[in-house]
Amino acid sequence: MPESPRWPFIHGRADEAERIVGGIEDDIREETGEELEEPQDTMKVRQRESIPFPEIAKVAFTMYPKRAILGLALFVGQAFIYNGITFDLGTLFGTLYGVASGTVPLFIIIWALGNFAGPMALGRLFDTVGREPMISGTYLGPALVAVVLAGVLAYGIGGAWLFLGILVVCFFLSSSGASAA
């Protein structure tokens, strides 16, 4: 898939952008066997070296407020849950489940492998099944698993291995969503 022509154009590389557009047009002509119509409308794009974050936020929240709020909520929720678990994982295993400090790294390694395996196993599905259903599933799935986890923690059900198994499933899915988003 070629780079978006807008990106190099905005960053002062108009020739590269023209080559990308020309390549796309050539591919369409070859596939359809038809000539393309000349564009009727134009748009003005301002070239610059960088786009400040406040400007990106202004455009996102002005032009796409629902999407921007949803994206921000997903990002913040995922970041807080991920970091909350990650930074407290050793304490949870040691204090809550009585896992010996020498064994805690084994549990963390298993959890980390689940984090890594998720995007590796599910990444291809974002292209075949589709981006929207997969991102939805990889955010809603872990939310449901987190409800199960909350029940396990609230009622003291199971031990360290059940806790680890639920975490692996949760982060197998959520790390895929975070990677794709």
N, C-alpha and C. Protein backbone atom coordinates (compact mmCIF):
# COMPACT_ATOMS: atom_id res chain seq x y z
N MET A 1 0.85 -1.18 0.00
CA MET A 1 0.00 0.00 0.00
C MET A 1 0.89 1.23 0.00
N PRO A 2 0.65 2.15 -0.92
CA PRO A 2 1.50 3.34 -0.99
C PRO A 2 1.22 4.29 0.18
N GLU A 3 2.19 5.12 0.44
CA GLU A 3 2.04 6.18 1.44
C GLU A 3 0.92 7.11 0.97
N SER A 4 0.20 7.69 1.91
CA SER A 4 -0.79 8.70 1.55
C SER A 4 -0.06 9.86 0.89
N PRO A 5 -0.52 10.31 -0.29
CA PRO A 5 0.19 11.40 -0.96
C PRO A 5 0.12 12.71 -0.16
N ARG A 6 -0.88 12.83 0.68
CA ARG A 6 -1.01 14.06 1.46
C ARG A 6 0.18 14.24 2.40
N TRP A 7 0.67 13.13 2.98
CA TRP A 7 1.76 13.22 3.96
C TRP A 7 3.02 13.84 3.36
N PRO A 8 3.57 13.28 2.27
CA PRO A 8 4.78 13.92 1.74
C PRO A 8 4.51 15.34 1.22
N PHE A 9 3.31 15.57 0.68
CA PHE A 9 3.02 16.91 0.16
C PHE A 9 3.03 17.93 1.29
N ILE A 10 2.36 17.60 2.39
CA ILE A 10 2.31 18.54 3.52
C ILE A 10 3.70 18.82 4.05
N HIS A 11 4.58 17.82 3.96
CA HIS A 11 5.92 17.98 4.51
C HIS A 11 6.95 18.45 3.47
N GLY A 12 6.45 19.11 2.41
CA GLY A 12 7.34 19.76 1.46
C GLY A 12 7.93 18.85 0.41
N ARG A 13 7.37 17.66 0.23
CA ARG A 13 7.89 16.72 -0.77
C ARG A 13 6.84 16.51 -1.86
N ALA A 14 6.54 17.59 -2.57
CA ALA A 14 5.49 17.57 -3.59
C ALA A 14 5.79 16.59 -4.72
N ASP A 15 7.05 16.48 -5.12
CA ASP A 15 7.40 15.55 -6.21
C ASP A 15 7.10 14.11 -5.82
N GLU A 16 7.42 13.75 -4.59
CA GLU A 16 7.13 12.40 -4.11
C GLU A 16 5.62 12.15 -4.09
N ALA A 17 4.86 13.14 -3.65
CA ALA A 17 3.39 13.02 -3.62
C ALA A 17 2.84 12.83 -5.03
N GLU A 18 3.37 13.57 -5.98
CA GLU A 18 2.94 13.45 -7.38
C GLU A 18 3.24 12.06 -7.93
N ARG A 19 4.41 11.50 -7.58
CA ARG A 19 4.76 10.15 -8.03
C ARG A 19 3.80 9.11 -7.46
N ILE A 20 3.42 9.29 -6.19
CA ILE A 20 2.49 8.35 -5.55
C ILE A 20 1.13 8.41 -6.25
N VAL A 21 0.62 9.62 -6.46
CA VAL A 21 -0.68 9.78 -7.12
C VAL A 21 -0.61 9.23 -8.54
N GLY A 22 0.48 9.53 -9.25
CA GLY A 22 0.64 9.01 -10.61
C GLY A 22 0.64 7.49 -10.63
N GLY A 23 1.30 6.86 -9.66
CA GLY A 23 1.32 5.40 -9.58
C GLY A 23 -0.06 4.83 -9.33
N ILE A 24 -0.81 5.46 -8.44
CA ILE A 24 -2.18 5.02 -8.16
C ILE A 24 -3.05 5.14 -9.41
N GLU A 25 -2.94 6.29 -10.09
CA GLU A 25 -3.71 6.49 -11.32
C GLU A 25 -3.34 5.48 -12.40
N ASP A 26 -2.04 5.19 -12.53
CA ASP A 26 -1.59 4.19 -13.51
C ASP A 26 -2.18 2.82 -13.19
N ASP A 27 -2.18 2.45 -11.92
CA ASP A 27 -2.74 1.16 -11.51
C ASP A 27 -4.23 1.07 -11.85
N ILE A 28 -4.96 2.17 -11.61
CA ILE A 28 -6.41 2.17 -11.90
C ILE A 28 -6.65 2.06 -13.40
N ARG A 29 -5.86 2.80 -14.19
CA ARG A 29 -6.00 2.72 -15.65
C ARG A 29 -5.73 1.30 -16.13
N GLU A 30 -4.70 0.67 -15.58
CA GLU A 30 -4.34 -0.70 -15.98
C GLU A 30 -5.43 -1.70 -15.59
N GLU A 31 -5.99 -1.54 -14.39
CA GLU A 31 -7.02 -2.47 -13.92
C GLU A 31 -8.34 -2.31 -14.68
N THR A 32 -8.71 -1.05 -14.96
CA THR A 32 -10.02 -0.81 -15.58
C THR A 32 -9.95 -0.71 -17.10
N GLY A 33 -8.78 -0.37 -17.62
CA GLY A 33 -8.65 -0.18 -19.06
C GLY A 33 -9.28 1.12 -19.53
N GLU A 34 -9.57 2.03 -18.61
CA GLU A 34 -10.20 3.30 -18.96
C GLU A 34 -9.32 4.46 -18.53
N GLU A 35 -9.51 5.58 -19.23
CA GLU A 35 -8.82 6.80 -18.84
C GLU A 35 -9.59 7.46 -17.69
N LEU A 36 -8.88 8.12 -16.81
CA LEU A 36 -9.51 8.81 -15.70
C LEU A 36 -9.90 10.23 -16.11
N GLU A 37 -11.01 10.68 -15.54
CA GLU A 37 -11.43 12.06 -15.80
C GLU A 37 -10.51 13.01 -15.05
N GLU A 38 -10.31 14.17 -15.62
CA GLU A 38 -9.53 15.20 -14.92
C GLU A 38 -10.34 15.70 -13.73
N PRO A 39 -9.70 15.98 -12.60
CA PRO A 39 -10.43 16.47 -11.43
C PRO A 39 -11.07 17.83 -11.71
N GLN A 40 -12.27 18.01 -11.20
CA GLN A 40 -12.99 19.26 -11.39
C GLN A 40 -12.72 20.26 -10.26
N ASP A 41 -12.56 19.71 -9.06
CA ASP A 41 -12.37 20.58 -7.89
C ASP A 41 -10.92 20.52 -7.42
N THR A 42 -10.53 21.52 -6.70
CA THR A 42 -9.20 21.55 -6.11
C THR A 42 -9.34 21.80 -4.62
N MET A 43 -8.29 21.52 -3.91
CA MET A 43 -8.29 21.85 -2.49
C MET A 43 -6.95 22.48 -2.16
N LYS A 44 -6.96 23.33 -1.16
CA LYS A 44 -5.74 24.02 -0.77
C LYS A 44 -5.15 23.29 0.43
N VAL A 45 -3.90 22.89 0.31
CA VAL A 45 -3.19 22.22 1.40
C VAL A 45 -1.95 23.04 1.71
N ARG A 46 -1.80 23.37 2.97
CA ARG A 46 -0.66 24.18 3.40
C ARG A 46 0.52 23.27 3.75
N GLN A 47 1.66 23.51 3.14
CA GLN A 47 2.85 22.73 3.45
C GLN A 47 3.49 23.26 4.72
N ARG A 48 4.05 22.31 5.52
CA ARG A 48 4.73 22.68 6.74
C ARG A 48 5.62 21.53 7.19
N GLU A 49 6.53 21.82 8.05
CA GLU A 49 7.45 20.79 8.54
C GLU A 49 6.80 19.90 9.58
N SER A 50 5.98 20.47 10.44
CA SER A 50 5.32 19.68 11.47
C SER A 50 3.95 20.28 11.77
N ILE A 51 3.10 19.48 12.37
CA ILE A 51 1.76 19.94 12.75
C ILE A 51 1.69 19.88 14.27
N PRO A 52 1.50 21.00 14.93
CA PRO A 52 1.47 21.01 16.39
C PRO A 52 0.28 20.19 16.92
N PHE A 53 0.48 19.54 18.04
CA PHE A 53 -0.57 18.71 18.62
C PHE A 53 -1.86 19.50 18.88
N PRO A 54 -1.80 20.74 19.41
CA PRO A 54 -3.07 21.48 19.62
C PRO A 54 -3.89 21.64 18.33
N GLU A 55 -3.21 21.80 17.20
CA GLU A 55 -3.92 21.93 15.93
C GLU A 55 -4.58 20.61 15.54
N ILE A 56 -3.87 19.50 15.75
CA ILE A 56 -4.45 18.18 15.48
C ILE A 56 -5.68 17.97 16.35
N ALA A 57 -5.56 18.28 17.63
CA ALA A 57 -6.69 18.11 18.56
C ALA A 57 -7.87 19.00 18.16
N LYS A 58 -7.58 20.23 17.76
CA LYS A 58 -8.66 21.15 17.34
C LYS A 58 -9.41 20.59 16.15
N VAL A 59 -8.68 20.11 15.15
CA VAL A 59 -9.32 19.55 13.96
C VAL A 59 -10.11 18.30 14.34
N ALA A 60 -9.51 17.42 15.13
CA ALA A 60 -10.18 16.17 15.50
C ALA A 60 -11.47 16.44 16.27
N PHE A 61 -11.43 17.32 17.25
CA PHE A 61 -12.61 17.56 18.08
C PHE A 61 -13.62 18.49 17.42
N THR A 62 -13.19 19.24 16.40
CA THR A 62 -14.13 20.10 15.68
C THR A 62 -14.82 19.34 14.55
N MET A 63 -14.02 18.62 13.75
CA MET A 63 -14.59 17.94 12.59
C MET A 63 -15.15 16.55 12.92
N TYR A 64 -14.55 15.88 13.89
CA TYR A 64 -14.95 14.50 14.23
C TYR A 64 -15.10 14.34 15.74
N PRO A 65 -16.01 15.11 16.37
CA PRO A 65 -16.07 15.09 17.84
C PRO A 65 -16.41 13.72 18.42
N LYS A 66 -17.34 12.98 17.82
CA LYS A 66 -17.70 11.67 18.37
C LYS A 66 -16.54 10.69 18.28
N ARG A 67 -15.89 10.67 17.12
CA ARG A 67 -14.75 9.77 16.94
C ARG A 67 -13.60 10.15 17.87
N ALA A 68 -13.36 11.45 18.01
CA ALA A 68 -12.26 11.91 18.87
C ALA A 68 -12.52 11.53 20.33
N ILE A 69 -13.74 11.71 20.78
CA ILE A 69 -14.08 11.36 22.17
C ILE A 69 -13.99 9.85 22.37
N LEU A 70 -14.50 9.08 21.43
CA LEU A 70 -14.41 7.63 21.53
C LEU A 70 -12.95 7.18 21.55
N GLY A 71 -12.16 7.68 20.64
CA GLY A 71 -10.74 7.32 20.60
C GLY A 71 -10.01 7.69 21.87
N LEU A 72 -10.28 8.87 22.38
CA LEU A 72 -9.65 9.32 23.62
C LEU A 72 -10.07 8.44 24.80
N ALA A 73 -11.36 8.12 24.86
CA ALA A 73 -11.85 7.26 25.94
C ALA A 73 -11.22 5.87 25.87
N LEU A 74 -11.13 5.29 24.68
CA LEU A 74 -10.51 3.98 24.52
C LEU A 74 -9.04 4.03 24.90
N PHE A 75 -8.36 5.06 24.45
CA PHE A 75 -6.93 5.19 24.75
C PHE A 75 -6.69 5.34 26.25
N VAL A 76 -7.42 6.24 26.88
CA VAL A 76 -7.23 6.49 28.31
C VAL A 76 -7.60 5.24 29.11
N GLY A 77 -8.74 4.63 28.78
CA GLY A 77 -9.15 3.42 29.50
C GLY A 77 -8.13 2.31 29.35
N GLN A 78 -7.67 2.08 28.16
CA GLN A 78 -6.69 1.03 27.93
C GLN A 78 -5.38 1.36 28.63
N ALA A 79 -4.94 2.59 28.55
CA ALA A 79 -3.66 2.97 29.16
C ALA A 79 -3.71 2.83 30.68
N PHE A 80 -4.79 3.29 31.29
CA PHE A 80 -4.88 3.20 32.75
C PHE A 80 -4.98 1.75 33.22
N ILE A 81 -5.78 0.96 32.55
CA ILE A 81 -5.91 -0.45 32.95
C ILE A 81 -4.60 -1.19 32.70
N TYR A 82 -4.02 -0.99 31.54
CA TYR A 82 -2.77 -1.68 31.22
C TYR A 82 -1.68 -1.31 32.21
N ASN A 83 -1.48 -0.01 32.42
CA ASN A 83 -0.43 0.43 33.33
C ASN A 83 -0.73 0.06 34.77
N GLY A 84 -2.00 0.11 35.15
CA GLY A 84 -2.37 -0.28 36.52
C GLY A 84 -2.02 -1.73 36.80
N ILE A 85 -2.31 -2.60 35.85
CA ILE A 85 -1.97 -4.02 36.01
C ILE A 85 -0.46 -4.22 35.91
N THR A 86 0.15 -3.62 34.89
CA THR A 86 1.58 -3.83 34.65
C THR A 86 2.42 -3.43 35.85
N PHE A 87 2.17 -2.25 36.38
CA PHE A 87 3.01 -1.75 37.47
C PHE A 87 2.74 -2.45 38.80
N ASP A 88 1.57 -3.06 38.94
CA ASP A 88 1.22 -3.72 40.20
C ASP A 88 1.22 -5.24 40.11
N LEU A 89 1.63 -5.79 39.00
CA LEU A 89 1.52 -7.23 38.81
C LEU A 89 2.32 -8.02 39.84
N GLY A 90 3.55 -7.63 40.07
CA GLY A 90 4.37 -8.31 41.08
C GLY A 90 3.75 -8.23 42.46
N THR A 91 3.24 -7.07 42.82
CA THR A 91 2.60 -6.88 44.13
C THR A 91 1.34 -7.72 44.24
N LEU A 92 0.54 -7.76 43.17
CA LEU A 92 -0.68 -8.56 43.20
C LEU A 92 -0.37 -10.04 43.41
N PHE A 93 0.59 -10.56 42.66
CA PHE A 93 0.94 -11.97 42.82
C PHE A 93 1.53 -12.23 44.20
N GLY A 94 2.42 -11.36 44.65
CA GLY A 94 3.08 -11.57 45.93
C GLY A 94 2.16 -11.37 47.12
N THR A 95 1.45 -10.27 47.16
CA THR A 95 0.62 -9.93 48.31
C THR A 95 -0.72 -10.65 48.29
N LEU A 96 -1.40 -10.59 47.17
CA LEU A 96 -2.76 -11.14 47.09
C LEU A 96 -2.77 -12.67 47.05
N TYR A 97 -1.82 -13.23 46.31
CA TYR A 97 -1.83 -14.68 46.11
C TYR A 97 -0.68 -15.41 46.81
N GLY A 98 0.19 -14.70 47.48
CA GLY A 98 1.27 -15.33 48.23
C GLY A 98 2.32 -16.01 47.37
N VAL A 99 2.48 -15.57 46.14
CA VAL A 99 3.50 -16.15 45.26
C VAL A 99 4.87 -15.67 45.75
N ALA A 100 5.81 -16.59 45.87
CA ALA A 100 7.15 -16.25 46.33
C ALA A 100 7.80 -15.26 45.37
N SER A 101 8.57 -14.35 45.91
CA SER A 101 9.17 -13.30 45.09
C SER A 101 10.07 -13.88 43.99
N GLY A 102 10.67 -15.02 44.22
CA GLY A 102 11.50 -15.65 43.19
C GLY A 102 10.69 -16.26 42.06
N THR A 103 9.40 -16.51 42.30
CA THR A 103 8.53 -17.13 41.29
C THR A 103 7.72 -16.08 40.52
N VAL A 104 7.58 -14.89 41.09
CA VAL A 104 6.79 -13.83 40.45
C VAL A 104 7.26 -13.55 39.02
N PRO A 105 8.58 -13.49 38.73
CA PRO A 105 8.99 -13.24 37.34
C PRO A 105 8.46 -14.28 36.35
N LEU A 106 8.31 -15.52 36.77
CA LEU A 106 7.75 -16.55 35.89
C LEU A 106 6.33 -16.17 35.47
N PHE A 107 5.53 -15.72 36.43
CA PHE A 107 4.16 -15.30 36.14
C PHE A 107 4.16 -14.08 35.21
N ILE A 108 5.08 -13.16 35.43
CA ILE A 108 5.14 -11.96 34.59
C ILE A 108 5.58 -12.32 33.17
N ILE A 109 6.49 -13.27 33.04
CA ILE A 109 6.93 -13.71 31.71
C ILE A 109 5.76 -14.35 30.95
N ILE A 110 5.00 -15.19 31.63
CA ILE A 110 3.84 -15.83 30.98
C ILE A 110 2.84 -14.76 30.55
N TRP A 111 2.59 -13.78 31.42
CA TRP A 111 1.67 -12.68 31.09
C TRP A 111 2.20 -11.89 29.89
N ALA A 112 3.52 -11.61 29.88
CA ALA A 112 4.12 -10.85 28.77
C ALA A 112 4.04 -11.62 27.46
N LEU A 113 4.21 -12.93 27.51
CA LEU A 113 4.09 -13.73 26.30
C LEU A 113 2.67 -13.67 25.74
N GLY A 114 1.67 -13.64 26.63
CA GLY A 114 0.28 -13.46 26.18
C GLY A 114 0.08 -12.12 25.50
N ASN A 115 0.71 -11.08 26.05
CA ASN A 115 0.65 -9.75 25.43
C ASN A 115 1.24 -9.77 24.04
N PHE A 116 2.35 -10.44 23.87
CA PHE A 116 3.04 -10.51 22.59
C PHE A 116 2.27 -11.39 21.60
N ALA A 117 1.74 -12.50 22.09
CA ALA A 117 1.07 -13.46 21.21
C ALA A 117 -0.22 -12.89 20.61
N GLY A 118 -0.91 -12.04 21.34
CA GLY A 118 -2.18 -11.48 20.85
C GLY A 118 -2.04 -10.80 19.50
N PRO A 119 -1.21 -9.75 19.40
CA PRO A 119 -1.06 -9.09 18.10
C PRO A 119 -0.50 -10.01 17.02
N MET A 120 0.39 -10.92 17.41
CA MET A 120 0.97 -11.83 16.43
C MET A 120 -0.10 -12.78 15.87
N ALA A 121 -0.98 -13.28 16.73
CA ALA A 121 -1.99 -14.24 16.30
C ALA A 121 -3.19 -13.56 15.64
N LEU A 122 -3.57 -12.40 16.14
CA LEU A 122 -4.78 -11.75 15.65
C LEU A 122 -4.53 -10.66 14.62
N GLY A 123 -3.29 -10.24 14.47
CA GLY A 123 -2.97 -9.12 13.57
C GLY A 123 -3.49 -9.30 12.16
N ARG A 124 -3.35 -10.49 11.63
CA ARG A 124 -3.80 -10.76 10.26
C ARG A 124 -5.31 -10.57 10.10
N LEU A 125 -6.06 -10.85 11.18
CA LEU A 125 -7.52 -10.75 11.10
C LEU A 125 -8.00 -9.30 10.91
N PHE A 126 -7.16 -8.33 11.28
CA PHE A 126 -7.55 -6.94 11.08
C PHE A 126 -7.66 -6.63 9.59
N ASP A 127 -6.89 -7.34 8.78
CA ASP A 127 -6.97 -7.17 7.32
C ASP A 127 -8.05 -8.05 6.70
N THR A 128 -8.24 -9.27 7.21
CA THR A 128 -9.20 -10.19 6.59
C THR A 128 -10.62 -9.99 7.10
N VAL A 129 -10.79 -9.89 8.41
CA VAL A 129 -12.13 -9.68 8.98
C VAL A 129 -12.55 -8.22 8.84
N GLY A 130 -11.60 -7.34 9.07
CA GLY A 130 -11.88 -5.91 8.96
C GLY A 130 -11.44 -5.17 10.21
N ARG A 131 -11.00 -3.95 9.99
CA ARG A 131 -10.46 -3.13 11.07
C ARG A 131 -11.51 -2.80 12.13
N GLU A 132 -12.68 -2.36 11.71
CA GLU A 132 -13.69 -1.94 12.69
C GLU A 132 -14.19 -3.09 13.57
N PRO A 133 -14.59 -4.23 12.99
CA PRO A 133 -15.05 -5.31 13.87
C PRO A 133 -13.94 -5.84 14.78
N MET A 134 -12.71 -5.85 14.29
CA MET A 134 -11.62 -6.38 15.11
C MET A 134 -11.26 -5.41 16.23
N ILE A 135 -11.21 -4.13 15.94
CA ILE A 135 -10.91 -3.17 17.01
C ILE A 135 -12.03 -3.19 18.04
N SER A 136 -13.28 -3.25 17.57
CA SER A 136 -14.40 -3.35 18.52
C SER A 136 -14.28 -4.60 19.38
N GLY A 137 -14.00 -5.72 18.74
CA GLY A 137 -13.89 -6.98 19.48
C GLY A 137 -12.72 -7.01 20.43
N THR A 138 -11.61 -6.39 20.03
CA THR A 138 -10.43 -6.42 20.90
C THR A 138 -10.47 -5.36 21.99
N TYR A 139 -11.49 -4.54 22.00
CA TYR A 139 -11.73 -3.64 23.13
C TYR A 139 -12.89 -4.17 23.99
N LEU A 140 -13.95 -4.64 23.34
CA LEU A 140 -15.10 -5.15 24.11
C LEU A 140 -14.80 -6.50 24.76
N GLY A 141 -14.05 -7.36 24.06
CA GLY A 141 -13.69 -8.66 24.62
C GLY A 141 -12.94 -8.54 25.94
N PRO A 142 -11.87 -7.76 25.98
CA PRO A 142 -11.16 -7.59 27.25
C PRO A 142 -12.03 -6.94 28.33
N ALA A 143 -12.97 -6.08 27.93
CA ALA A 143 -13.86 -5.48 28.92
C ALA A 143 -14.70 -6.57 29.59
N LEU A 144 -15.19 -7.50 28.79
CA LEU A 144 -15.96 -8.62 29.37
C LEU A 144 -15.07 -9.50 30.25
N VAL A 145 -13.87 -9.77 29.79
CA VAL A 145 -12.93 -10.57 30.59
C VAL A 145 -12.59 -9.83 31.88
N ALA A 146 -12.49 -8.50 31.84
CA ALA A 146 -12.20 -7.72 33.04
C ALA A 146 -13.34 -7.81 34.05
N VAL A 147 -14.57 -7.94 33.56
CA VAL A 147 -15.71 -8.14 34.48
C VAL A 147 -15.55 -9.48 35.21
N VAL A 148 -15.15 -10.51 34.48
CA VAL A 148 -14.89 -11.82 35.10
C VAL A 148 -13.76 -11.68 36.11
N LEU A 149 -12.71 -10.96 35.73
CA LEU A 149 -11.58 -10.74 36.63
C LEU A 149 -12.02 -10.02 37.90
N ALA A 150 -12.88 -9.03 37.75
CA ALA A 150 -13.38 -8.30 38.93
C ALA A 150 -14.14 -9.24 39.86
N GLY A 151 -14.95 -10.13 39.28
CA GLY A 151 -15.66 -11.11 40.10
C GLY A 151 -14.72 -12.05 40.82
N VAL A 152 -13.70 -12.51 40.12
CA VAL A 152 -12.70 -13.40 40.74
C VAL A 152 -12.01 -12.69 41.90
N LEU A 153 -11.63 -11.44 41.70
CA LEU A 153 -10.96 -10.69 42.76
C LEU A 153 -11.92 -10.36 43.91
N ALA A 154 -13.13 -9.96 43.59
CA ALA A 154 -14.09 -9.56 44.62
C ALA A 154 -14.49 -10.73 45.52
N TYR A 155 -14.65 -11.90 44.92
CA TYR A 155 -15.12 -13.06 45.70
C TYR A 155 -13.98 -13.99 46.10
N GLY A 156 -12.75 -13.64 45.78
CA GLY A 156 -11.61 -14.46 46.17
C GLY A 156 -11.64 -15.85 45.57
N ILE A 157 -12.15 -15.97 44.36
CA ILE A 157 -12.26 -17.27 43.69
C ILE A 157 -10.90 -17.64 43.09
N GLY A 158 -10.52 -18.89 43.20
CA GLY A 158 -9.32 -19.39 42.53
C GLY A 158 -8.05 -18.88 43.16
N GLY A 159 -6.95 -19.15 42.48
CA GLY A 159 -5.65 -18.75 42.97
C GLY A 159 -4.87 -18.00 41.93
N ALA A 160 -3.55 -18.02 42.10
CA ALA A 160 -2.67 -17.25 41.23
C ALA A 160 -2.76 -17.70 39.78
N TRP A 161 -2.91 -19.00 39.53
CA TRP A 161 -2.95 -19.48 38.15
C TRP A 161 -4.24 -19.08 37.45
N LEU A 162 -5.36 -19.07 38.14
CA LEU A 162 -6.61 -18.60 37.53
C LEU A 162 -6.51 -17.11 37.23
N PHE A 163 -5.98 -16.35 38.19
CA PHE A 163 -5.77 -14.92 38.00
C PHE A 163 -4.89 -14.69 36.77
N LEU A 164 -3.78 -15.42 36.67
CA LEU A 164 -2.88 -15.29 35.53
C LEU A 164 -3.58 -15.66 34.23
N GLY A 165 -4.34 -16.75 34.23
CA GLY A 165 -5.03 -17.18 33.01
C GLY A 165 -5.99 -16.12 32.51
N ILE A 166 -6.73 -15.51 33.42
CA ILE A 166 -7.68 -14.46 33.02
C ILE A 166 -6.92 -13.25 32.49
N LEU A 167 -5.81 -12.89 33.15
CA LEU A 167 -5.01 -11.76 32.66
C LEU A 167 -4.44 -12.03 31.27
N VAL A 168 -3.97 -13.25 31.05
CA VAL A 168 -3.40 -13.58 29.74
C VAL A 168 -4.46 -13.44 28.66
N VAL A 169 -5.66 -13.94 28.90
CA VAL A 169 -6.74 -13.82 27.92
C VAL A 169 -7.08 -12.35 27.69
N CYS A 170 -7.20 -11.60 28.78
CA CYS A 170 -7.56 -10.18 28.69
C CYS A 170 -6.53 -9.39 27.87
N PHE A 171 -5.26 -9.60 28.17
CA PHE A 171 -4.23 -8.82 27.50
C PHE A 171 -3.84 -9.39 26.15
N PHE A 172 -4.12 -10.66 25.90
CA PHE A 172 -3.97 -11.24 24.57
C PHE A 172 -4.85 -10.44 23.61
N LEU A 173 -6.09 -10.19 24.03
CA LEU A 173 -7.03 -9.43 23.20
C LEU A 173 -6.73 -7.96 23.19
N SER A 174 -6.52 -7.37 24.38
CA SER A 174 -6.37 -5.91 24.45
C SER A 174 -5.10 -5.42 23.80
N SER A 175 -4.00 -6.18 23.89
CA SER A 175 -2.78 -5.71 23.24
C SER A 175 -2.94 -5.71 21.72
N SER A 176 -3.79 -6.59 21.20
CA SER A 176 -4.07 -6.57 19.76
C SER A 176 -4.84 -5.30 19.39
N GLY A 177 -5.84 -4.96 20.19
CA GLY A 177 -6.60 -3.73 19.94
C GLY A 177 -5.75 -2.50 20.05
N ALA A 178 -4.91 -2.46 21.09
CA ALA A 178 -4.04 -1.30 21.27
C ALA A 178 -3.05 -1.17 20.12
N SER A 179 -2.52 -2.30 19.67
CA SER A 179 -1.57 -2.27 18.56
C SER A 179 -2.24 -1.77 17.28
N ALA A 180 -3.46 -2.22 17.05
CA ALA A 180 -4.17 -1.82 15.83
C ALA A 180 -4.66 -0.39 15.90
N ALA A 181 -5.14 0.01 17.05
CA ALA A 181 -5.69 1.37 17.18
C ALA A 181 -4.59 2.40 17.03
